[in-house]
Amino acid sequence: MLGGVVTTWINGNVRYGPSTDYAINYPVSAGFTSYGLCWKTGGWVNANGVAHDKWVKLSDNEWIWGGLLNGDETGGVSNYC
């Protein structure tokens, strides 16, 4: 899929940019769903047994680390921002 629905498998944070250096916009719980527009590399995160630098831009123009999403490192979103 290019963009598409993404779902979190664990609690986490949605941020204003693609790194933990950006402020938290809002927290999300496991099972949160949104539309992922695209992905890009950003800040490296190592949490919950997952480590990589892929971030997904959501339909509200905020960012979530792909390690929080079901599926692959980008939650199944294949198009690069």
C-alpha atoms as a PDB file:
ATOM      1  CA  MET A   1       0.000   0.000   0.000  1.00  0.00           C
ATOM      2  CA  LEU A   2       1.156   3.547  -0.476  1.00  0.00           C
ATOM      3  CA  GLY A   3      -0.496   5.263   2.467  1.00  0.00           C
ATOM      4  CA  GLY A   4      -3.058   3.549   4.622  1.00  0.00           C
ATOM      5  CA  VAL A   5      -4.518   2.824   8.006  1.00  0.00           C
ATOM      6  CA  VAL A   6      -1.929   2.189  10.732  1.00  0.00           C
ATOM      7  CA  THR A   7      -2.572   0.758  14.199  1.00  0.00           C
ATOM      8  CA  THR A   8      -0.413   0.844  17.325  1.00  0.00           C
ATOM      9  CA  TRP A   9       0.398  -2.410  19.138  1.00  0.00           C
ATOM     10  CA  ILE A  10       1.575  -0.598  22.301  1.00  0.00           C
ATOM     11  CA  ASN A  11       1.140   2.770  24.033  1.00  0.00           C
ATOM     12  CA  GLY A  12       3.275   5.612  22.687  1.00  0.00           C
ATOM     13  CA  ASN A  13       3.450   9.243  21.659  1.00  0.00           C
ATOM     14  CA  VAL A  14       2.640  11.205  18.537  1.00  0.00           C
ATOM     15  CA  ARG A  15       5.146  14.023  18.003  1.00  0.00           C
ATOM     16  CA  TYR A  16       5.438  17.275  16.076  1.00  0.00           C
ATOM     17  CA  GLY A  17       8.348  15.891  14.033  1.00  0.00           C
ATOM     18  CA  PRO A  18      10.141  12.628  13.194  1.00  0.00           C
ATOM     19  CA  SER A  19      12.335  12.339  16.289  1.00  0.00           C
ATOM     20  CA  THR A  20      12.076  12.149  20.057  1.00  0.00           C
ATOM     21  CA  ASP A  21      13.740  15.589  20.004  1.00  0.00           C
ATOM     22  CA  TYR A  22      10.327  16.976  18.981  1.00  0.00           C
ATOM     23  CA  ALA A  23       7.702  17.670  21.630  1.00  0.00           C
ATOM     24  CA  ILE A  24       4.882  15.229  22.228  1.00  0.00           C
ATOM     25  CA  ASN A  25       1.624  16.345  20.624  1.00  0.00           C
ATOM     26  CA  TYR A  26      -0.546  13.633  22.177  1.00  0.00           C
ATOM     27  CA  PRO A  27      -0.214  10.153  23.703  1.00  0.00           C
ATOM     28  CA  VAL A  28      -1.854   7.105  22.132  1.00  0.00           C
ATOM     29  CA  SER A  29      -2.876   3.730  23.523  1.00  0.00           C
ATOM     30  CA  ALA A  30      -2.463   0.297  21.995  1.00  0.00           C
ATOM     31  CA  GLY A  31      -5.104  -0.102  19.285  1.00  0.00           C
ATOM     32  CA  PHE A  32      -5.009   3.569  18.210  1.00  0.00           C
ATOM     33  CA  THR A  33      -5.676   3.848  14.468  1.00  0.00           C
ATOM     34  CA  SER A  34      -4.954   6.670  12.057  1.00  0.00           C
ATOM     35  CA  TYR A  35      -4.093   7.142   8.394  1.00  0.00           C
ATOM     36  CA  GLY A  36      -0.386   7.029   7.555  1.00  0.00           C
ATOM     37  CA  LEU A  37       0.467   9.306   4.637  1.00  0.00           C
ATOM     38  CA  CYS A  38       4.133   8.434   4.140  1.00  0.00           C
ATOM     39  CA  TRP A  39       7.317   7.614   6.057  1.00  0.00           C
ATOM     40  CA  LYS A  40      10.860   8.944   6.379  1.00  0.00           C
ATOM     41  CA  THR A  41      13.998   8.317   8.371  1.00  0.00           C
ATOM     42  CA  GLY A  42      14.368  10.415  11.489  1.00  0.00           C
ATOM     43  CA  GLY A  43      15.632  10.031  15.013  1.00  0.00           C
ATOM     44  CA  TRP A  44      16.806   6.583  16.097  1.00  0.00           C
ATOM     45  CA  VAL A  45      14.671   4.915  18.786  1.00  0.00           C
ATOM     46  CA  ASN A  46      15.410   1.727  20.715  1.00  0.00           C
ATOM     47  CA  ALA A  47      12.370   0.671  22.767  1.00  0.00           C
ATOM     48  CA  ASN A  48      10.245  -2.397  23.499  1.00  0.00           C
ATOM     49  CA  GLY A  49      12.745  -4.705  21.793  1.00  0.00           C
ATOM     50  CA  VAL A  50      12.606  -2.707  18.539  1.00  0.00           C
ATOM     51  CA  ALA A  51      15.315  -0.372  17.196  1.00  0.00           C
ATOM     52  CA  HIS A  52      15.223   1.722  14.006  1.00  0.00           C
ATOM     53  CA  ASP A  53      14.763   5.261  12.630  1.00  0.00           C
ATOM     54  CA  LYS A  54      11.556   4.994  10.541  1.00  0.00           C
ATOM     55  CA  TRP A  55       8.790   7.516  11.290  1.00  0.00           C
ATOM     56  CA  VAL A  56       5.304   7.706   9.785  1.00  0.00           C
ATOM     57  CA  LYS A  57       3.541  10.976   8.997  1.00  0.00           C
ATOM     58  CA  LEU A  58      -0.105  10.768  10.039  1.00  0.00           C
ATOM     59  CA  SER A  59      -3.098  12.432   8.393  1.00  0.00           C
ATOM     60  CA  ASP A  60      -3.017  15.210  11.025  1.00  0.00           C
ATOM     61  CA  ASN A  61       0.558  16.015   9.848  1.00  0.00           C
ATOM     62  CA  GLU A  62       2.087  14.705  13.075  1.00  0.00           C
ATOM     63  CA  TRP A  63       4.617  11.869  13.387  1.00  0.00           C
ATOM     64  CA  ILE A  64       4.723   8.465  15.060  1.00  0.00           C
ATOM     65  CA  TRP A  65       7.707   6.145  15.367  1.00  0.00           C
ATOM     66  CA  GLY A  66       7.127   3.041  13.240  1.00  0.00           C
ATOM     67  CA  GLY A  67       8.175   0.759  16.096  1.00  0.00           C
ATOM     68  CA  LEU A  68       4.837   1.469  17.745  1.00  0.00           C
ATOM     69  CA  LEU A  69       2.872   0.234  14.726  1.00  0.00           C
ATOM     70  CA  ASN A  70       1.627  -3.227  13.758  1.00  0.00           C
ATOM     71  CA  GLY A  71       3.370  -4.757  10.759  1.00  0.00           C
ATOM     72  CA  ASP A  72       6.747  -3.733   9.439  1.00  0.00           C
ATOM     73  CA  GLU A  73       8.938  -0.758  10.428  1.00  0.00           C
ATOM     74  CA  THR A  74       6.535   1.667   8.744  1.00  0.00           C
ATOM     75  CA  GLY A  75       3.245   0.013   9.678  1.00  0.00           C
ATOM     76  CA  GLY A  76       2.798  -1.039   6.048  1.00  0.00           C
ATOM     77  CA  VAL A  77       3.063   2.482   4.608  1.00  0.00           C
ATOM     78  CA  SER A  78       5.330   2.145   1.563  1.00  0.00           C
ATOM     79  CA  ASN A  79       5.634   5.660   0.126  1.00  0.00           C
ATOM     80  CA  TYR A  80       8.539   7.818   1.262  1.00  0.00           C
ATOM     81  CA  CYS A  81       7.831  11.441   2.254  1.00  0.00           C
END
